[in-house]
Amino acid sequence: VDEDEIIAIKKRYQKGVVVQFIKSKGPIGAKVTEHAKLQDINSKKYRDLLKSALEQVLDALGITFEEIKGIKKMDAFF
């Protein structure tokens, strides 16, 4: 990123502007969607978020994520 790009970015993103971003690979961990490429997406982070949300819903129903995923508990064998 050169100096001109930084100035252009600062002009575009001022206070009050809504910015959409993705969780990305790399040290920063996020990237503005306008500048992101498909390979930048950190799909593991999105899977972890989805699993966390699903576990909360399943917990309220008395079901574990492992049961849904097909992992058997030891109790199932007795």
C-alpha atoms as a PDB file:
ATOM      1  CA  VAL A   1       0.000   0.000   0.000  1.00  0.00           C
ATOM      2  CA  ASP A   2       1.525   3.271  -1.066  1.00  0.00           C
ATOM      3  CA  GLU A   3       0.961   6.769   0.350  1.00  0.00           C
ATOM      4  CA  ASP A   4      -1.678   7.725  -2.265  1.00  0.00           C
ATOM      5  CA  GLU A   5      -3.760   4.643  -1.436  1.00  0.00           C
ATOM      6  CA  ILE A   6      -3.626   5.431   2.279  1.00  0.00           C
ATOM      7  CA  ILE A   7      -4.842   8.998   1.636  1.00  0.00           C
ATOM      8  CA  ALA A   8      -7.674   7.707  -0.586  1.00  0.00           C
ATOM      9  CA  ILE A   9      -8.719   5.199   2.069  1.00  0.00           C
ATOM     10  CA  LYS A  10      -8.725   7.880   4.795  1.00  0.00           C
ATOM     11  CA  LYS A  11     -10.964  10.107   2.640  1.00  0.00           C
ATOM     12  CA  ARG A  12     -13.437   7.276   2.016  1.00  0.00           C
ATOM     13  CA  TYR A  13     -13.697   6.091   5.614  1.00  0.00           C
ATOM     14  CA  GLN A  14     -14.593   8.952   7.902  1.00  0.00           C
ATOM     15  CA  LYS A  15     -16.600   9.086  11.125  1.00  0.00           C
ATOM     16  CA  GLY A  16     -20.128   7.776  10.750  1.00  0.00           C
ATOM     17  CA  VAL A  17     -19.444   5.696   7.644  1.00  0.00           C
ATOM     18  CA  VAL A  18     -20.631   2.080   7.875  1.00  0.00           C
ATOM     19  CA  VAL A  19     -17.865  -0.300   6.859  1.00  0.00           C
ATOM     20  CA  GLN A  20     -18.426  -3.949   5.968  1.00  0.00           C
ATOM     21  CA  PHE A  21     -15.582  -6.338   6.597  1.00  0.00           C
ATOM     22  CA  ILE A  22     -14.730 -10.026   6.569  1.00  0.00           C
ATOM     23  CA  LYS A  23     -12.670 -12.106   8.947  1.00  0.00           C
ATOM     24  CA  SER A  24      -9.451 -12.640   7.056  1.00  0.00           C
ATOM     25  CA  LYS A  25      -6.265 -14.633   7.267  1.00  0.00           C
ATOM     26  CA  GLY A  26      -3.177 -12.752   8.333  1.00  0.00           C
ATOM     27  CA  PRO A  27      -2.019 -10.703  11.297  1.00  0.00           C
ATOM     28  CA  ILE A  28      -4.818  -8.105  11.239  1.00  0.00           C
ATOM     29  CA  GLY A  29      -7.661 -10.638  11.124  1.00  0.00           C
ATOM     30  CA  ALA A  30     -10.129  -8.450   9.210  1.00  0.00           C
ATOM     31  CA  LYS A  31     -10.351  -6.836   5.808  1.00  0.00           C
ATOM     32  CA  VAL A  32     -12.762  -4.361   4.225  1.00  0.00           C
ATOM     33  CA  THR A  33     -14.999  -6.271   1.794  1.00  0.00           C
ATOM     34  CA  GLU A  34     -14.174  -3.854  -1.031  1.00  0.00           C
ATOM     35  CA  HIS A  35     -10.517  -4.887  -0.883  1.00  0.00           C
ATOM     36  CA  ALA A  36     -10.956  -8.562   0.011  1.00  0.00           C
ATOM     37  CA  LYS A  37     -10.407 -11.487  -2.298  1.00  0.00           C
ATOM     38  CA  LEU A  38     -11.920 -14.947  -1.959  1.00  0.00           C
ATOM     39  CA  GLN A  39      -8.625 -16.412  -0.756  1.00  0.00           C
ATOM     40  CA  ASP A  40      -8.486 -13.791   2.051  1.00  0.00           C
ATOM     41  CA  ILE A  41     -11.538 -15.236   3.837  1.00  0.00           C
ATOM     42  CA  ASN A  42     -10.747 -17.116   7.035  1.00  0.00           C
ATOM     43  CA  SER A  43     -13.309 -19.900   6.657  1.00  0.00           C
ATOM     44  CA  LYS A  44     -12.188 -21.591   9.896  1.00  0.00           C
ATOM     45  CA  LYS A  45     -13.247 -18.513  11.887  1.00  0.00           C
ATOM     46  CA  TYR A  46     -16.687 -18.556  10.227  1.00  0.00           C
ATOM     47  CA  ARG A  47     -17.080 -22.296  10.940  1.00  0.00           C
ATOM     48  CA  ASP A  48     -16.137 -21.686  14.580  1.00  0.00           C
ATOM     49  CA  LEU A  49     -18.699 -18.851  14.863  1.00  0.00           C
ATOM     50  CA  LEU A  50     -21.415 -20.993  13.292  1.00  0.00           C
ATOM     51  CA  LYS A  51     -20.590 -23.926  15.579  1.00  0.00           C
ATOM     52  CA  SER A  52     -20.709 -21.670  18.640  1.00  0.00           C
ATOM     53  CA  ALA A  53     -24.119 -20.263  17.684  1.00  0.00           C
ATOM     54  CA  LEU A  54     -25.480 -23.716  16.864  1.00  0.00           C
ATOM     55  CA  GLU A  55     -24.205 -25.163  20.159  1.00  0.00           C
ATOM     56  CA  GLN A  56     -26.130 -22.498  22.087  1.00  0.00           C
ATOM     57  CA  VAL A  57     -29.377 -23.326  20.275  1.00  0.00           C
ATOM     58  CA  LEU A  58     -28.843 -27.071  20.664  1.00  0.00           C
ATOM     59  CA  ASP A  59     -27.994 -26.664  24.360  1.00  0.00           C
ATOM     60  CA  ALA A  60     -31.384 -25.029  24.928  1.00  0.00           C
ATOM     61  CA  LEU A  61     -32.962 -28.099  23.292  1.00  0.00           C
ATOM     62  CA  GLY A  62     -30.912 -30.534  25.375  1.00  0.00           C
ATOM     63  CA  ILE A  63     -28.905 -31.789  22.393  1.00  0.00           C
ATOM     64  CA  THR A  64     -25.128 -31.768  22.087  1.00  0.00           C
ATOM     65  CA  PHE A  65     -23.286 -30.743  18.953  1.00  0.00           C
ATOM     66  CA  GLU A  66     -21.534 -34.115  18.921  1.00  0.00           C
ATOM     67  CA  GLU A  67     -24.910 -35.902  18.738  1.00  0.00           C
ATOM     68  CA  ILE A  68     -25.856 -33.871  15.676  1.00  0.00           C
ATOM     69  CA  LYS A  69     -22.464 -34.396  14.104  1.00  0.00           C
ATOM     70  CA  GLY A  70     -22.752 -38.146  14.635  1.00  0.00           C
ATOM     71  CA  ILE A  71     -20.126 -38.605  17.331  1.00  0.00           C
ATOM     72  CA  LYS A  72     -21.412 -41.203  19.762  1.00  0.00           C
ATOM     73  CA  LYS A  73     -21.280 -40.784  23.520  1.00  0.00           C
ATOM     74  CA  MET A  74     -20.165 -43.692  25.672  1.00  0.00           C
ATOM     75  CA  ASP A  75     -23.703 -43.743  27.139  1.00  0.00           C
ATOM     76  CA  ALA A  76     -25.078 -44.790  23.753  1.00  0.00           C
ATOM     77  CA  PHE A  77     -23.284 -48.132  24.004  1.00  0.00           C
ATOM     78  CA  PHE A  78     -24.784 -49.134  27.388  1.00  0.00           C
END
